[in-house]
Amino acid sequence: MKVLQTEVMIPTPDGQMPAFLFTHPENSCKPAILLLMEAFGLTSHIRDVAVRIANEGYVVLVPDLYYRELPNNKFGYDKVEQAMAMMWRLDFGKPMEEDIRAALAYVKSRSNVYPDRVGVTGFCLGGGLTFFTACKFSAEISAAAPFYGMVLDEWIEAVKNITVPIYLFFGGVAPFIPRDRIQQIEARFQQLGKEYTLKIYPDANHGFFCNERSSYQQAAAADSWHELIGFFQKHLQKAM
């Protein structure tokens, strides 16, 4: 059954945030996934991932977190420096918190969404922000699955606030997130007795999931997709 893609506008304290919403024609009630974009912006690849997730039985919302910098806020995968510069212009304090809160409130308000069955996932920048969302909004979500996201020191401290299952995916040879940082993150979850799964693909680089990037690794992408869908099936579908 064909997934329907519509563009919606989400009100935030800083203005209207565009987002893509992926729904099903029959409009029956489903769990939802908040999918958070890469540093390269809300690209066609991320929309393709959204369609794949929607086809597994979810309503999917993909907000444009670079909306303050429209219209030139999307980059090809060869424009790493420009993408990183825009990413670091984001304010990871109150403005980001308000954007994520607005996106969650929007998707939970949909008549075709079970508001108590919302998961969040994302890649690269979106992986870090998935971690951020678990720290800040565990009361609003049911599960989180960040892919190779950079984790700020204050977020490691905030792991104490995570109360939902989390599945963390990393590439073993990614330069941005070295093994010792991954070990530090895992040690924090262990220290606090949190429910988590952490998987490292030893030969995979940053961005291994994206088939449009030179770092794409088919085996890691296929396995992590299988793990992701199983994780959400367990925590969002079977719980109903």
C-alpha atoms as a PDB file:
ATOM      1  CA  MET A   1       0.000   0.000   0.000  1.00  0.00           C
ATOM      2  CA  LYS A   2       1.402   3.361  -1.028  1.00  0.00           C
ATOM      3  CA  VAL A   3       2.584   5.636   1.781  1.00  0.00           C
ATOM      4  CA  LEU A   4       1.273   9.207   1.557  1.00  0.00           C
ATOM      5  CA  GLN A   5       3.790  12.037   1.973  1.00  0.00           C
ATOM      6  CA  THR A   6       2.556  15.503   2.902  1.00  0.00           C
ATOM      7  CA  GLU A   7       4.356  18.653   3.980  1.00  0.00           C
ATOM      8  CA  VAL A   8       3.077  20.128   7.234  1.00  0.00           C
ATOM      9  CA  MET A   9       3.976  23.186   9.281  1.00  0.00           C
ATOM     10  CA  ILE A  10       4.693  22.867  12.990  1.00  0.00           C
ATOM     11  CA  PRO A  11       4.430  26.004  15.152  1.00  0.00           C
ATOM     12  CA  THR A  12       7.451  26.710  17.356  1.00  0.00           C
ATOM     13  CA  PRO A  13       8.427  29.757  19.448  1.00  0.00           C
ATOM     14  CA  ASP A  14      10.795  30.739  16.602  1.00  0.00           C
ATOM     15  CA  GLY A  15       8.296  30.368  13.770  1.00  0.00           C
ATOM     16  CA  GLN A  16       6.858  27.686  11.524  1.00  0.00           C
ATOM     17  CA  MET A  17       8.975  24.530  11.156  1.00  0.00           C
ATOM     18  CA  PRO A  18       8.300  22.571   7.950  1.00  0.00           C
ATOM     19  CA  ALA A  19       8.150  18.807   8.249  1.00  0.00           C
ATOM     20  CA  PHE A  20       7.298  15.814   6.095  1.00  0.00           C
ATOM     21  CA  LEU A  21       4.563  13.533   7.390  1.00  0.00           C
ATOM     22  CA  PHE A  22       4.250   9.969   6.112  1.00  0.00           C
ATOM     23  CA  THR A  23       0.892   8.275   6.623  1.00  0.00           C
ATOM     24  CA  HIS A  24      -1.184   5.399   5.284  1.00  0.00           C
ATOM     25  CA  PRO A  25      -4.217   5.746   2.981  1.00  0.00           C
ATOM     26  CA  GLU A  26      -6.555   3.763   5.224  1.00  0.00           C
ATOM     27  CA  ASN A  27      -5.861   6.240   8.060  1.00  0.00           C
ATOM     28  CA  SER A  28      -6.018   3.562  10.764  1.00  0.00           C
ATOM     29  CA  CYS A  29      -4.351   4.322  14.094  1.00  0.00           C
ATOM     30  CA  LYS A  30      -0.645   3.422  14.274  1.00  0.00           C
ATOM     31  CA  PRO A  31       2.407   4.021  16.434  1.00  0.00           C
ATOM     32  CA  ALA A  32       4.605   6.904  15.283  1.00  0.00           C
ATOM     33  CA  ILE A  33       8.303   7.476  14.703  1.00  0.00           C
ATOM     34  CA  LEU A  34      10.008  10.852  14.911  1.00  0.00           C
ATOM     35  CA  LEU A  35      12.881  10.617  12.398  1.00  0.00           C
ATOM     36  CA  LEU A  36      15.637  13.206  12.878  1.00  0.00           C
ATOM     37  CA  MET A  37      17.776  14.322   9.945  1.00  0.00           C
ATOM     38  CA  GLU A  38      21.499  14.173   9.246  1.00  0.00           C
ATOM     39  CA  ALA A  39      23.838  17.172   9.307  1.00  0.00           C
ATOM     40  CA  PHE A  40      23.212  17.461   5.552  1.00  0.00           C
ATOM     41  CA  GLY A  41      19.626  18.536   6.178  1.00  0.00           C
ATOM     42  CA  LEU A  42      16.282  17.056   5.299  1.00  0.00           C
ATOM     43  CA  THR A  43      17.540  15.257   2.200  1.00  0.00           C
ATOM     44  CA  SER A  44      15.767  12.915  -0.202  1.00  0.00           C
ATOM     45  CA  HIS A  45      17.657  10.024   1.422  1.00  0.00           C
ATOM     46  CA  ILE A  46      16.105  10.762   4.821  1.00  0.00           C
ATOM     47  CA  ARG A  47      12.668  10.908   3.192  1.00  0.00           C
ATOM     48  CA  ASP A  48      13.381   7.520   1.604  1.00  0.00           C
ATOM     49  CA  VAL A  49      14.236   6.119   5.044  1.00  0.00           C
ATOM     50  CA  ALA A  50      10.967   7.578   6.328  1.00  0.00           C
ATOM     51  CA  VAL A  51       9.032   5.716   3.636  1.00  0.00           C
ATOM     52  CA  ARG A  52      10.779   2.462   4.590  1.00  0.00           C
ATOM     53  CA  ILE A  53       9.868   2.952   8.251  1.00  0.00           C
ATOM     54  CA  ALA A  54       6.282   3.901   7.370  1.00  0.00           C
ATOM     55  CA  ASN A  55       5.972   0.699   5.333  1.00  0.00           C
ATOM     56  CA  GLU A  56       6.680  -1.223   8.541  1.00  0.00           C
ATOM     57  CA  GLY A  57       3.445   0.129  10.015  1.00  0.00           C
ATOM     58  CA  TYR A  58       4.197   3.574  11.420  1.00  0.00           C
ATOM     59  CA  VAL A  59       3.230   7.195  10.953  1.00  0.00           C
ATOM     60  CA  VAL A  60       6.560   9.004  10.464  1.00  0.00           C
ATOM     61  CA  LEU A  61       7.335  12.686  11.036  1.00  0.00           C
ATOM     62  CA  VAL A  62      10.559  14.247   9.733  1.00  0.00           C
ATOM     63  CA  PRO A  63      11.028  17.873  10.864  1.00  0.00           C
ATOM     64  CA  ASP A  64      13.358  20.320   9.123  1.00  0.00           C
ATOM     65  CA  LEU A  65      15.534  21.341  12.066  1.00  0.00           C
ATOM     66  CA  TYR A  66      17.399  23.836   9.877  1.00  0.00           C
ATOM     67  CA  TYR A  67      14.185  25.810   9.248  1.00  0.00           C
ATOM     68  CA  ARG A  68      15.755  28.995  10.616  1.00  0.00           C
ATOM     69  CA  GLU A  69      18.151  28.918   7.640  1.00  0.00           C
ATOM     70  CA  LEU A  70      15.707  28.287   4.798  1.00  0.00           C
ATOM     71  CA  PRO A  71      15.853  28.074   1.839  1.00  0.00           C
ATOM     72  CA  ASN A  72      19.501  27.037   1.339  1.00  0.00           C
ATOM     73  CA  ASN A  73      19.688  24.482   4.129  1.00  0.00           C
ATOM     74  CA  LYS A  74      20.318  21.155   2.353  1.00  0.00           C
ATOM     75  CA  PHE A  75      23.679  19.828   1.196  1.00  0.00           C
ATOM     76  CA  GLY A  76      25.042  17.085  -1.006  1.00  0.00           C
ATOM     77  CA  TYR A  77      27.143  14.450   0.736  1.00  0.00           C
ATOM     78  CA  ASP A  78      30.274  16.004  -0.780  1.00  0.00           C
ATOM     79  CA  LYS A  79      29.613  19.291   1.087  1.00  0.00           C
ATOM     80  CA  VAL A  80      30.804  18.128   4.492  1.00  0.00           C
ATOM     81  CA  GLU A  81      32.308  21.433   5.642  1.00  0.00           C
ATOM     82  CA  GLN A  82      29.205  23.451   4.772  1.00  0.00           C
ATOM     83  CA  ALA A  83      26.919  20.920   6.444  1.00  0.00           C
ATOM     84  CA  MET A  84      29.041  20.803   9.591  1.00  0.00           C
ATOM     85  CA  ALA A  85      29.120  24.598   9.759  1.00  0.00           C
ATOM     86  CA  MET A  86      25.329  24.764   9.653  1.00  0.00           C
ATOM     87  CA  MET A  87      25.033  21.966  12.206  1.00  0.00           C
ATOM     88  CA  TRP A  88      27.246  23.817  14.682  1.00  0.00           C
ATOM     89  CA  ARG A  89      25.153  26.954  14.244  1.00  0.00           C
ATOM     90  CA  LEU A  90      22.252  25.102  15.866  1.00  0.00           C
ATOM     91  CA  ASP A  91      21.544  25.989  19.466  1.00  0.00           C
ATOM     92  CA  PHE A  92      21.491  22.676  21.354  1.00  0.00           C
ATOM     93  CA  GLY A  93      19.930  24.329  24.390  1.00  0.00           C
ATOM     94  CA  LYS A  94      16.421  25.689  24.774  1.00  0.00           C
ATOM     95  CA  PRO A  95      15.711  26.283  21.039  1.00  0.00           C
ATOM     96  CA  MET A  96      16.417  22.642  20.146  1.00  0.00           C
ATOM     97  CA  GLU A  97      14.412  21.473  23.135  1.00  0.00           C
ATOM     98  CA  GLU A  98      11.466  23.584  21.965  1.00  0.00           C
ATOM     99  CA  ASP A  99      11.746  22.280  18.390  1.00  0.00           C
ATOM    100  CA  ILE A 100      11.737  18.642  19.519  1.00  0.00           C
ATOM    101  CA  ARG A 101       8.893  19.306  21.964  1.00  0.00           C
ATOM    102  CA  ALA A 102       6.853  20.895  19.167  1.00  0.00           C
ATOM    103  CA  ALA A 103       7.499  17.962  16.807  1.00  0.00           C
ATOM    104  CA  LEU A 104       6.505  15.413  19.446  1.00  0.00           C
ATOM    105  CA  ALA A 105       3.382  17.373  20.366  1.00  0.00           C
ATOM    106  CA  TYR A 106       2.394  17.592  16.709  1.00  0.00           C
ATOM    107  CA  VAL A 107       2.743  13.898  15.923  1.00  0.00           C
ATOM    108  CA  LYS A 108       1.071  12.843  19.180  1.00  0.00           C
ATOM    109  CA  SER A 109      -1.900  15.110  18.387  1.00  0.00           C
ATOM    110  CA  ARG A 110      -2.659  13.281  15.130  1.00  0.00           C
ATOM    111  CA  SER A 111      -5.915  11.312  15.220  1.00  0.00           C
ATOM    112  CA  ASN A 112      -4.189   8.395  13.432  1.00  0.00           C
ATOM    113  CA  VAL A 113      -1.391   8.053  16.031  1.00  0.00           C
ATOM    114  CA  TYR A 114      -1.335   6.217  19.340  1.00  0.00           C
ATOM    115  CA  PRO A 115       0.115   9.050  21.466  1.00  0.00           C
ATOM    116  CA  ASP A 116       1.621   6.645  23.985  1.00  0.00           C
ATOM    117  CA  ARG A 117       3.470   4.688  21.269  1.00  0.00           C
ATOM    118  CA  VAL A 118       6.028   7.119  19.826  1.00  0.00           C
ATOM    119  CA  GLY A 119       9.620   6.188  19.059  1.00  0.00           C
ATOM    120  CA  VAL A 120      12.501   8.327  17.853  1.00  0.00           C
ATOM    121  CA  THR A 121      15.475   7.561  15.638  1.00  0.00           C
ATOM    122  CA  GLY A 122      17.976   9.502  13.571  1.00  0.00           C
ATOM    123  CA  PHE A 123      21.356   9.437  11.874  1.00  0.00           C
ATOM    124  CA  CYS A 124      24.494  11.541  12.321  1.00  0.00           C
ATOM    125  CA  LEU A 125      23.193  14.866  13.723  1.00  0.00           C
ATOM    126  CA  GLY A 126      19.848  13.115  14.120  1.00  0.00           C
ATOM    127  CA  GLY A 127      21.505  10.327  16.070  1.00  0.00           C
ATOM    128  CA  GLY A 128      22.870  12.819  18.572  1.00  0.00           C
ATOM    129  CA  LEU A 129      19.484  14.504  18.779  1.00  0.00           C
ATOM    130  CA  THR A 130      17.776  11.147  19.309  1.00  0.00           C
ATOM    131  CA  PHE A 131      20.029  10.711  22.347  1.00  0.00           C
ATOM    132  CA  PHE A 132      19.169  14.284  23.386  1.00  0.00           C
ATOM    133  CA  THR A 133      15.442  13.489  23.032  1.00  0.00           C
ATOM    134  CA  ALA A 134      15.765  10.407  25.221  1.00  0.00           C
ATOM    135  CA  CYS A 135      17.463  12.536  27.890  1.00  0.00           C
ATOM    136  CA  LYS A 136      14.946  15.376  27.732  1.00  0.00           C
ATOM    137  CA  PHE A 137      11.667  13.724  26.758  1.00  0.00           C
ATOM    138  CA  SER A 138      11.610  10.165  28.062  1.00  0.00           C
ATOM    139  CA  ALA A 139       8.136  10.857  29.481  1.00  0.00           C
ATOM    140  CA  GLU A 140       6.895  11.629  25.948  1.00  0.00           C
ATOM    141  CA  ILE A 141       8.351   8.658  24.041  1.00  0.00           C
ATOM    142  CA  SER A 142       8.494   4.864  24.341  1.00  0.00           C
ATOM    143  CA  ALA A 143      11.838   3.993  22.705  1.00  0.00           C
ATOM    144  CA  ALA A 144      14.896   5.628  21.122  1.00  0.00           C
ATOM    145  CA  ALA A 145      17.424   4.348  18.569  1.00  0.00           C
ATOM    146  CA  PRO A 146      20.296   6.734  17.733  1.00  0.00           C
ATOM    147  CA  PHE A 147      22.654   5.957  14.839  1.00  0.00           C
ATOM    148  CA  TYR A 148      26.273   7.145  15.220  1.00  0.00           C
ATOM    149  CA  GLY A 149      25.358  10.385  16.936  1.00  0.00           C
ATOM    150  CA  MET A 150      27.880  12.611  18.653  1.00  0.00           C
ATOM    151  CA  VAL A 151      27.022  12.824  22.356  1.00  0.00           C
ATOM    152  CA  LEU A 152      27.880  15.991  24.261  1.00  0.00           C
ATOM    153  CA  ASP A 153      29.318  15.769  27.772  1.00  0.00           C
ATOM    154  CA  GLU A 154      26.166  17.216  29.331  1.00  0.00           C
ATOM    155  CA  TRP A 155      24.081  14.553  27.573  1.00  0.00           C
ATOM    156  CA  ILE A 156      26.208  11.805  29.099  1.00  0.00           C
ATOM    157  CA  GLU A 157      25.483  13.385  32.466  1.00  0.00           C
ATOM    158  CA  ALA A 158      21.760  13.495  31.555  1.00  0.00           C
ATOM    159  CA  VAL A 159      21.608   9.731  30.902  1.00  0.00           C
ATOM    160  CA  LYS A 160      20.259   9.596  34.457  1.00  0.00           C
ATOM    161  CA  ASN A 161      17.011  11.033  33.059  1.00  0.00           C
ATOM    162  CA  ILE A 162      16.500   8.309  30.421  1.00  0.00           C
ATOM    163  CA  THR A 163      13.633   5.982  31.352  1.00  0.00           C
ATOM    164  CA  VAL A 164      12.927   4.333  27.968  1.00  0.00           C
ATOM    165  CA  PRO A 165      14.705   1.459  26.181  1.00  0.00           C
ATOM    166  CA  ILE A 166      17.493   2.740  23.915  1.00  0.00           C
ATOM    167  CA  TYR A 167      19.425   0.999  21.130  1.00  0.00           C
ATOM    168  CA  LEU A 168      22.672   2.734  20.117  1.00  0.00           C
ATOM    169  CA  PHE A 169      24.395   1.965  16.789  1.00  0.00           C
ATOM    170  CA  PHE A 170      28.023   2.938  16.070  1.00  0.00           C
ATOM    171  CA  GLY A 171      30.679   2.385  13.431  1.00  0.00           C
ATOM    172  CA  GLY A 172      33.901   1.001  14.847  1.00  0.00           C
ATOM    173  CA  VAL A 173      36.225   3.122  12.703  1.00  0.00           C
ATOM    174  CA  ALA A 174      34.290   6.411  12.769  1.00  0.00           C
ATOM    175  CA  PRO A 175      36.704   9.325  13.386  1.00  0.00           C
ATOM    176  CA  PHE A 176      34.063  11.590  14.976  1.00  0.00           C
ATOM    177  CA  ILE A 177      33.127   9.105  17.706  1.00  0.00           C
ATOM    178  CA  PRO A 178      36.212   7.104  18.796  1.00  0.00           C
ATOM    179  CA  ARG A 179      35.997   3.821  20.674  1.00  0.00           C
ATOM    180  CA  ASP A 180      36.908   5.398  24.002  1.00  0.00           C
ATOM    181  CA  ARG A 181      33.952   7.781  23.695  1.00  0.00           C
ATOM    182  CA  ILE A 182      31.622   4.875  22.950  1.00  0.00           C
ATOM    183  CA  GLN A 183      33.014   3.053  25.988  1.00  0.00           C
ATOM    184  CA  GLN A 184      32.406   6.154  28.104  1.00  0.00           C
ATOM    185  CA  ILE A 185      28.777   6.278  26.944  1.00  0.00           C
ATOM    186  CA  GLU A 186      28.257   2.577  27.631  1.00  0.00           C
ATOM    187  CA  ALA A 187      29.893   2.800  31.056  1.00  0.00           C
ATOM    188  CA  ARG A 188      27.402   5.520  32.006  1.00  0.00           C
ATOM    189  CA  PHE A 189      24.432   3.318  31.059  1.00  0.00           C
ATOM    190  CA  GLN A 190      25.919   0.409  32.986  1.00  0.00           C
ATOM    191  CA  GLN A 191      26.693   2.546  36.034  1.00  0.00           C
ATOM    192  CA  LEU A 192      23.070   3.712  36.198  1.00  0.00           C
ATOM    193  CA  GLY A 193      21.537   0.320  35.419  1.00  0.00           C
ATOM    194  CA  LYS A 194      19.660   1.632  32.380  1.00  0.00           C
ATOM    195  CA  GLU A 195      17.909  -0.561  29.803  1.00  0.00           C
ATOM    196  CA  TYR A 196      20.057  -0.274  26.704  1.00  0.00           C
ATOM    197  CA  THR A 197      21.563  -2.164  23.775  1.00  0.00           C
ATOM    198  CA  LEU A 198      24.741  -0.931  22.095  1.00  0.00           C
ATOM    199  CA  LYS A 199      26.073  -2.374  18.853  1.00  0.00           C
ATOM    200  CA  ILE A 200      29.372  -1.541  17.175  1.00  0.00           C
ATOM    201  CA  TYR A 201      30.035  -2.587  13.571  1.00  0.00           C
ATOM    202  CA  PRO A 202      33.824  -3.034  13.780  1.00  0.00           C
ATOM    203  CA  ASP A 203      34.712  -2.149  10.179  1.00  0.00           C
ATOM    204  CA  ALA A 204      32.003   0.466   9.584  1.00  0.00           C
ATOM    205  CA  ASN A 205      32.624   4.193   9.326  1.00  0.00           C
ATOM    206  CA  HIS A 206      30.410   7.144  10.210  1.00  0.00           C
ATOM    207  CA  GLY A 207      27.394   7.223   7.897  1.00  0.00           C
ATOM    208  CA  PHE A 208      27.461   3.483   7.177  1.00  0.00           C
ATOM    209  CA  PHE A 209      23.666   3.338   6.854  1.00  0.00           C
ATOM    210  CA  CYS A 210      23.369   5.819   3.976  1.00  0.00           C
ATOM    211  CA  ASN A 211      23.702   4.260   0.517  1.00  0.00           C
ATOM    212  CA  GLU A 212      24.476   7.688  -0.978  1.00  0.00           C
ATOM    213  CA  ARG A 213      27.620   8.172   1.099  1.00  0.00           C
ATOM    214  CA  SER A 214      31.087   6.816   0.356  1.00  0.00           C
ATOM    215  CA  SER A 215      31.122   5.322   3.868  1.00  0.00           C
ATOM    216  CA  TYR A 216      28.080   3.123   3.128  1.00  0.00           C
ATOM    217  CA  GLN A 217      28.559  -0.463   4.277  1.00  0.00           C
ATOM    218  CA  GLN A 218      25.853  -2.762   3.004  1.00  0.00           C
ATOM    219  CA  ALA A 219      26.210  -5.493   5.630  1.00  0.00           C
ATOM    220  CA  ALA A 220      26.121  -3.064   8.559  1.00  0.00           C
ATOM    221  CA  ALA A 221      23.207  -1.149   7.013  1.00  0.00           C
ATOM    222  CA  ALA A 222      21.176  -4.322   6.473  1.00  0.00           C
ATOM    223  CA  ASP A 223      21.853  -5.686   9.950  1.00  0.00           C
ATOM    224  CA  SER A 224      21.139  -2.397  11.726  1.00  0.00           C
ATOM    225  CA  TRP A 225      17.890  -2.001   9.778  1.00  0.00           C
ATOM    226  CA  HIS A 226      16.798  -5.476  10.909  1.00  0.00           C
ATOM    227  CA  GLU A 227      17.736  -4.622  14.496  1.00  0.00           C
ATOM    228  CA  LEU A 228      15.979  -1.233  14.360  1.00  0.00           C
ATOM    229  CA  ILE A 229      12.701  -2.653  13.071  1.00  0.00           C
ATOM    230  CA  GLY A 230      12.795  -5.485  15.619  1.00  0.00           C
ATOM    231  CA  PHE A 231      13.461  -2.981  18.418  1.00  0.00           C
ATOM    232  CA  PHE A 232      10.506  -0.783  17.455  1.00  0.00           C
ATOM    233  CA  GLN A 233       8.303  -3.846  16.886  1.00  0.00           C
ATOM    234  CA  LYS A 234       9.025  -4.958  20.438  1.00  0.00           C
ATOM    235  CA  HIS A 235       8.502  -1.618  22.149  1.00  0.00           C
ATOM    236  CA  LEU A 236       5.872   0.097  19.995  1.00  0.00           C
ATOM    237  CA  GLN A 237       3.819  -2.571  18.205  1.00  0.00           C
ATOM    238  CA  LYS A 238       3.636  -5.538  20.563  1.00  0.00           C
ATOM    239  CA  ALA A 239       2.964  -3.293  23.537  1.00  0.00           C
ATOM    240  CA  MET A 240      -0.439  -2.315  22.123  1.00  0.00           C
END
